[in-house]
Amino acid sequence: MPELPEVETVVRTLRPRLLGAVAAAVWTSGKGLRLARPVDRAVLARLSMAARITAVRRKGKYILIDLDRGQAGILVHLGMSGRLRVQAATEPRAPHTHVVWSLVGGDELRFVDPRRFGWVAASQNVDALPEVAGLGPDALNEVDVGRLRALLAASRAPLKSFLLDQKRVAGLGNIYVCEALFRSRLHPRTPAHRAASRAAALLRAIRAVLRVALANRGTSMRDFVDAEGRSGDNAAALLVYGRAGEPCRVCAAPVRRSLDSGRSTFYCPRCQRR
């Protein structure tokens, strides 16, 4: 599933194509997306059509497209296989295209999602949508050491589960949590409150991992491409994720893989002692 660096990469490549654009029409496939919920085309069309796009931004793993109608906007979550691209209307639409905004001038903004775990919605107040309003501080630019320390101290959840909870810190997913825990030498199953004294080191590691991934335009494991159709190059920079059985790049001990709540966890048993 795309995480903060991938979503931010999509936002950065969408922004120059969308700022100032105006939608002339909205089309949907009629098929349900996340949890088989249908997209509310009536609301989407009412708020989108003839509205000018004033901003393209990110909150956690959500893409927010602001419109020139007060606080109105569009929310997009890429799910596991979603793609959001601007393409010429003359180009054939890809299979599994579920939402299309026809833009004045001949381009289309297309949301494609083969697995249909993504989501698209419009609202008179996009920041008040529960998906956005319930998010914790953004991992890249909102959380600070004091706040992270306080959040850690108040939780007995395993550290990896703590960091994956979007209500505590927004934007992190499985890949970058594994990478940040390795860089900060913290074991994934350490109770969060026991890592409170290491909050500064953990935050430095989180930001370092995210900045490297952003510089590499995200990690493409299977489906991810940016708004121009390009894959990310960050896979080669991963230190533990996906490297089970390979030597740790610090101590040469074999990287281990475990399953936690159905998710793969990668860590070095020597560098990340519990």
Protein backbone atom coordinates (compact mmCIF):
# COMPACT_ATOMS: atom_id res chain seq x y z
CA MET A 1 0.00 0.00 0.00
CA PRO A 2 1.43 3.42 -0.89
CA GLU A 3 2.75 5.22 2.18
CA LEU A 4 3.69 8.84 2.83
CA PRO A 5 6.60 9.06 0.32
CA GLU A 6 4.57 7.47 -2.48
CA VAL A 7 1.51 9.65 -1.85
CA GLU A 8 3.66 12.78 -1.58
CA THR A 9 5.35 11.85 -4.86
CA VAL A 10 1.96 11.57 -6.56
CA VAL A 11 0.95 14.96 -5.11
CA ARG A 12 4.17 16.62 -6.30
CA THR A 13 3.77 15.25 -9.83
CA LEU A 14 0.04 16.05 -9.98
CA ARG A 15 0.31 19.62 -8.69
CA PRO A 16 1.81 21.27 -11.81
CA ARG A 17 -0.77 19.54 -14.03
CA LEU A 18 -3.82 20.33 -11.91
CA LEU A 19 -3.40 23.78 -10.37
CA GLY A 20 -5.90 26.10 -12.03
CA ALA A 21 -7.64 23.28 -13.91
CA VAL A 22 -11.44 23.23 -14.16
CA ALA A 23 -13.58 20.08 -14.41
CA ALA A 24 -16.21 20.05 -17.15
CA ALA A 25 -17.67 16.60 -16.39
CA VAL A 26 -17.36 13.69 -13.96
CA TRP A 27 -17.73 9.99 -14.83
CA THR A 28 -17.74 6.95 -12.51
CA SER A 29 -17.77 3.24 -13.26
CA GLY A 30 -20.60 2.62 -10.81
CA LYS A 31 -18.58 -0.09 -9.07
CA GLY A 32 -17.94 0.02 -5.34
CA LEU A 33 -14.48 0.83 -4.05
CA ARG A 34 -13.34 0.37 -0.44
CA LEU A 35 -15.67 -2.00 1.42
CA ALA A 36 -17.73 -2.18 -1.80
CA ARG A 37 -19.07 1.35 -1.19
CA PRO A 38 -20.14 3.17 -4.36
CA VAL A 39 -18.65 6.59 -5.05
CA ASP A 40 -21.27 9.32 -4.59
CA ARG A 41 -21.17 10.65 -8.13
CA ALA A 42 -23.89 13.24 -7.50
CA VAL A 43 -21.89 14.98 -4.76
CA LEU A 44 -18.66 14.58 -6.69
CA ALA A 45 -20.16 16.21 -9.78
CA ARG A 46 -21.95 18.97 -7.87
CA LEU A 47 -18.78 20.10 -6.12
CA SER A 48 -16.30 19.43 -8.93
CA MET A 49 -17.94 20.67 -12.09
CA ALA A 50 -16.98 24.22 -13.08
CA ALA A 51 -14.82 24.49 -9.93
CA ARG A 52 -11.19 25.57 -10.21
CA ILE A 53 -8.50 23.51 -8.47
CA THR A 54 -6.61 25.75 -6.06
CA ALA A 55 -4.32 23.26 -4.28
CA VAL A 56 -3.14 19.65 -4.36
CA ARG A 57 -1.84 18.49 -0.99
CA ARG A 58 -1.34 15.49 1.27
CA LYS A 59 -2.43 14.58 4.78
CA GLY A 60 -1.04 11.27 5.99
CA LYS A 61 -1.73 8.84 3.14
CA TYR A 62 -4.60 10.89 1.69
CA ILE A 63 -4.51 13.15 -1.37
CA LEU A 64 -6.61 16.30 -0.96
CA ILE A 65 -7.62 18.44 -3.94
CA ASP A 66 -8.94 21.86 -2.91
CA LEU A 67 -11.56 23.67 -4.98
CA ASP A 68 -12.42 27.36 -5.20
CA ARG A 69 -15.66 26.84 -3.31
CA GLY A 70 -14.89 27.68 0.30
CA GLN A 71 -13.50 24.61 2.04
CA ALA A 72 -14.79 22.17 -0.57
CA GLY A 73 -12.48 19.54 -1.92
CA ILE A 74 -11.89 16.00 -3.12
CA LEU A 75 -10.32 13.22 -1.06
CA VAL A 76 -8.47 10.33 -2.70
CA HIS A 77 -6.92 7.30 -1.03
CA LEU A 78 -4.90 5.07 -3.34
CA GLY A 79 -5.59 1.88 -1.39
CA MET A 80 -3.33 -0.97 -2.46
CA SER A 81 -3.32 -0.56 -6.23
CA GLY A 82 -4.77 2.89 -6.96
CA ARG A 83 -3.28 5.27 -9.50
CA LEU A 84 -4.17 8.92 -10.03
CA ARG A 85 -2.94 10.41 -13.30
CA VAL A 86 -3.62 13.26 -15.71
CA GLN A 87 -3.80 11.97 -19.27
CA ALA A 88 -5.03 13.27 -22.61
CA ALA A 89 -8.67 12.46 -23.24
CA THR A 90 -7.61 10.89 -26.53
CA GLU A 91 -5.58 8.19 -24.72
CA PRO A 92 -7.48 4.95 -24.11
CA ARG A 93 -8.66 4.55 -20.53
CA ALA A 94 -6.93 1.75 -18.66
CA PRO A 95 -8.91 -1.24 -17.40
CA HIS A 96 -10.27 -0.73 -13.88
CA THR A 97 -10.73 3.01 -14.33
CA HIS A 98 -13.37 4.02 -11.78
CA VAL A 99 -13.45 7.84 -11.65
CA VAL A 100 -12.68 10.36 -14.40
CA TRP A 101 -12.78 14.15 -14.26
CA SER A 102 -12.85 15.66 -17.76
CA LEU A 103 -10.86 18.90 -17.57
CA VAL A 104 -11.38 21.98 -19.67
CA GLY A 105 -8.69 21.90 -22.36
CA GLY A 106 -8.80 18.20 -23.23
CA ASP A 107 -7.08 16.35 -20.37
CA GLU A 108 -8.63 13.89 -17.91
CA LEU A 109 -7.81 13.17 -14.27
CA ARG A 110 -8.25 9.40 -13.93
CA PHE A 111 -8.45 7.18 -10.87
CA VAL A 112 -7.59 3.56 -11.66
CA ASP A 113 -7.79 0.86 -9.01
CA PRO A 114 -7.72 -2.85 -10.02
CA ARG A 115 -8.15 -4.16 -6.46
CA ARG A 116 -10.68 -1.50 -5.45
CA PHE A 117 -9.31 -0.85 -1.95
CA GLY A 118 -8.98 2.86 -2.67
CA TRP A 119 -11.52 5.59 -2.08
CA VAL A 120 -12.73 8.83 -3.66
CA ALA A 121 -15.08 11.33 -2.01
CA ALA A 122 -16.01 15.01 -2.19
CA SER A 123 -17.13 17.25 0.65
CA GLN A 124 -18.08 20.85 1.37
CA ASN A 125 -15.34 20.70 4.02
CA VAL A 126 -12.73 18.15 2.99
CA ASP A 127 -10.64 18.56 6.16
CA ALA A 128 -13.68 17.72 8.28
CA LEU A 129 -14.16 14.31 6.67
CA PRO A 130 -13.65 11.62 9.34
CA GLU A 131 -10.83 10.03 7.37
CA VAL A 132 -8.85 13.28 7.65
CA ALA A 133 -10.09 14.74 10.94
CA GLY A 134 -9.13 11.58 12.84
CA LEU A 135 -5.50 11.55 11.72
CA GLY A 136 -2.61 12.17 14.09
CA PRO A 137 0.24 14.60 13.33
CA ASP A 138 1.98 14.05 10.02
CA ALA A 139 5.16 11.99 10.32
CA LEU A 140 7.12 14.22 7.95
CA ASN A 141 6.39 17.73 9.14
CA GLU A 142 3.99 17.93 12.10
CA VAL A 143 5.05 15.61 14.90
CA ASP A 144 7.83 16.87 17.21
CA VAL A 145 9.98 15.10 19.79
CA GLY A 146 7.92 16.24 22.78
CA ARG A 147 4.66 15.08 21.28
CA LEU A 148 6.11 11.77 20.13
CA ARG A 149 7.62 11.16 23.56
CA ALA A 150 4.26 11.83 25.24
CA LEU A 151 2.40 9.55 22.83
CA LEU A 152 4.95 6.76 23.36
CA ALA A 153 4.85 7.10 27.14
CA ALA A 154 1.06 6.70 27.15
CA SER A 155 1.00 3.45 25.15
CA ARG A 156 1.82 -0.17 25.94
CA ALA A 157 1.29 -1.30 22.36
CA PRO A 158 4.22 -2.92 20.54
CA LEU A 159 6.31 -0.20 18.94
CA LYS A 160 5.58 -1.28 15.38
CA SER A 161 1.82 -1.35 15.99
CA PHE A 162 2.06 2.05 17.66
CA LEU A 163 3.75 3.61 14.62
CA LEU A 164 1.27 2.05 12.20
CA ASP A 165 -1.68 3.61 14.05
CA GLN A 166 -2.66 6.59 11.89
CA LYS A 167 -4.44 8.23 14.84
CA ARG A 168 -1.09 8.55 16.61
CA VAL A 169 1.26 9.41 13.75
CA ALA A 170 -0.05 9.79 10.19
CA GLY A 171 1.61 8.57 7.02
CA LEU A 172 3.74 5.61 8.09
CA GLY A 173 3.18 2.09 6.81
CA ASN A 174 4.86 -1.28 6.97
CA ILE A 175 7.90 -0.50 4.81
CA TYR A 176 9.01 2.71 6.47
CA VAL A 177 8.21 1.60 10.02
CA CYS A 178 10.53 -1.40 9.55
CA GLU A 179 13.21 0.88 8.11
CA ALA A 180 12.88 3.53 10.84
CA LEU A 181 13.00 0.98 13.65
CA PHE A 182 16.17 -0.51 12.16
CA ARG A 183 17.83 2.89 11.88
CA SER A 184 16.94 3.72 15.49
CA ARG A 185 18.00 0.24 16.71
CA LEU A 186 14.61 -0.46 18.29
CA HIS A 187 12.98 -3.89 18.27
CA PRO A 188 9.51 -3.92 16.62
CA ARG A 189 7.89 -5.63 19.63
CA THR A 190 9.32 -3.32 22.30
CA PRO A 191 6.41 -1.81 24.27
CA ALA A 192 5.98 1.79 23.12
CA HIS A 193 6.30 3.29 26.62
CA ARG A 194 9.74 1.72 27.01
CA ALA A 195 10.93 3.61 23.93
CA ALA A 196 9.82 7.03 25.17
CA SER A 197 13.37 7.94 26.18
CA ARG A 198 14.47 7.18 22.60
CA ALA A 199 11.88 9.47 21.00
CA ALA A 200 14.46 11.86 19.53
CA ALA A 201 16.43 9.06 17.87
CA LEU A 202 13.24 7.45 16.59
CA LEU A 203 11.98 10.71 15.08
CA ARG A 204 15.33 11.34 13.41
CA ALA A 205 15.19 7.85 11.91
CA ILE A 206 11.60 8.31 10.70
CA ARG A 207 12.42 11.57 8.97
CA ALA A 208 15.65 10.23 7.46
CA VAL A 209 13.84 7.22 5.99
CA LEU A 210 11.05 9.38 4.58
CA ARG A 211 13.43 11.93 3.06
CA VAL A 212 15.50 9.26 1.34
CA ALA A 213 12.33 7.68 -0.05
CA LEU A 214 11.06 11.06 -1.25
CA ALA A 215 14.35 11.76 -2.99
CA ASN A 216 13.96 8.40 -4.74
CA ARG A 217 10.30 9.10 -5.63
CA GLY A 218 8.93 6.28 -3.48
CA THR A 219 9.19 2.51 -3.37
CA SER A 220 7.59 0.47 -6.15
CA MET A 221 7.03 -3.12 -5.08
CA ARG A 222 4.19 -3.93 -7.46
CA ASP A 223 1.64 -1.31 -8.51
CA PHE A 224 2.90 2.11 -7.49
CA VAL A 225 3.60 4.76 -10.12
CA ASP A 226 3.55 8.53 -9.81
CA ALA A 227 1.17 10.84 -11.68
CA GLU A 228 3.42 10.62 -14.76
CA GLY A 229 3.40 6.80 -14.79
CA ARG A 230 6.95 6.40 -13.47
CA SER A 231 7.92 3.80 -10.86
CA GLY A 232 9.80 4.79 -7.72
CA ASP A 233 13.49 3.97 -7.23
CA ASN A 234 13.67 3.54 -3.46
CA ALA A 235 13.68 -0.27 -3.30
CA ALA A 236 17.48 -0.32 -3.63
CA ALA A 237 17.82 1.96 -0.58
CA LEU A 238 15.87 -0.32 1.80
CA LEU A 239 18.07 -1.66 4.59
CA VAL A 240 15.89 -4.45 6.02
CA TYR A 241 12.48 -4.50 4.35
CA GLY A 242 12.20 -7.44 1.95
CA ARG A 243 15.72 -8.69 2.82
CA ALA A 244 14.93 -11.73 5.00
CA GLY A 245 17.93 -14.08 5.17
CA GLU A 246 20.31 -11.52 3.68
CA PRO A 247 23.16 -10.10 5.77
CA CYS A 248 22.48 -6.96 7.78
CA ARG A 249 24.32 -4.05 6.20
CA VAL A 250 25.64 -3.01 9.62
CA CYS A 251 26.58 -6.23 11.43
CA ALA A 252 26.16 -8.99 8.76
CA ALA A 253 23.71 -11.01 10.89
CA PRO A 254 20.88 -12.50 8.77
CA VAL A 255 17.85 -10.20 8.58
CA ARG A 256 14.79 -11.89 10.07
CA ARG A 257 11.16 -11.85 8.97
CA SER A 258 8.23 -12.40 11.31
CA LEU A 259 4.48 -12.08 10.93
CA ASP A 260 2.60 -9.60 13.11
CA SER A 261 -1.16 -9.32 12.59
CA GLY A 262 -0.73 -10.71 9.10
CA ARG A 263 2.01 -8.23 8.14
CA SER A 264 5.64 -9.05 7.47
CA THR A 265 8.12 -7.47 9.87
CA PHE A 266 11.80 -7.29 8.91
CA TYR A 267 14.51 -6.58 11.49
CA CYS A 268 18.07 -7.41 12.51
CA PRO A 269 18.15 -9.55 15.67
CA ARG A 270 21.60 -8.25 16.58
CA CYS A 271 21.19 -4.52 15.91
CA GLN A 272 17.61 -4.41 17.27
CA ARG A 273 17.73 -6.30 20.54
CA ARG A 274 14.49 -6.39 22.43
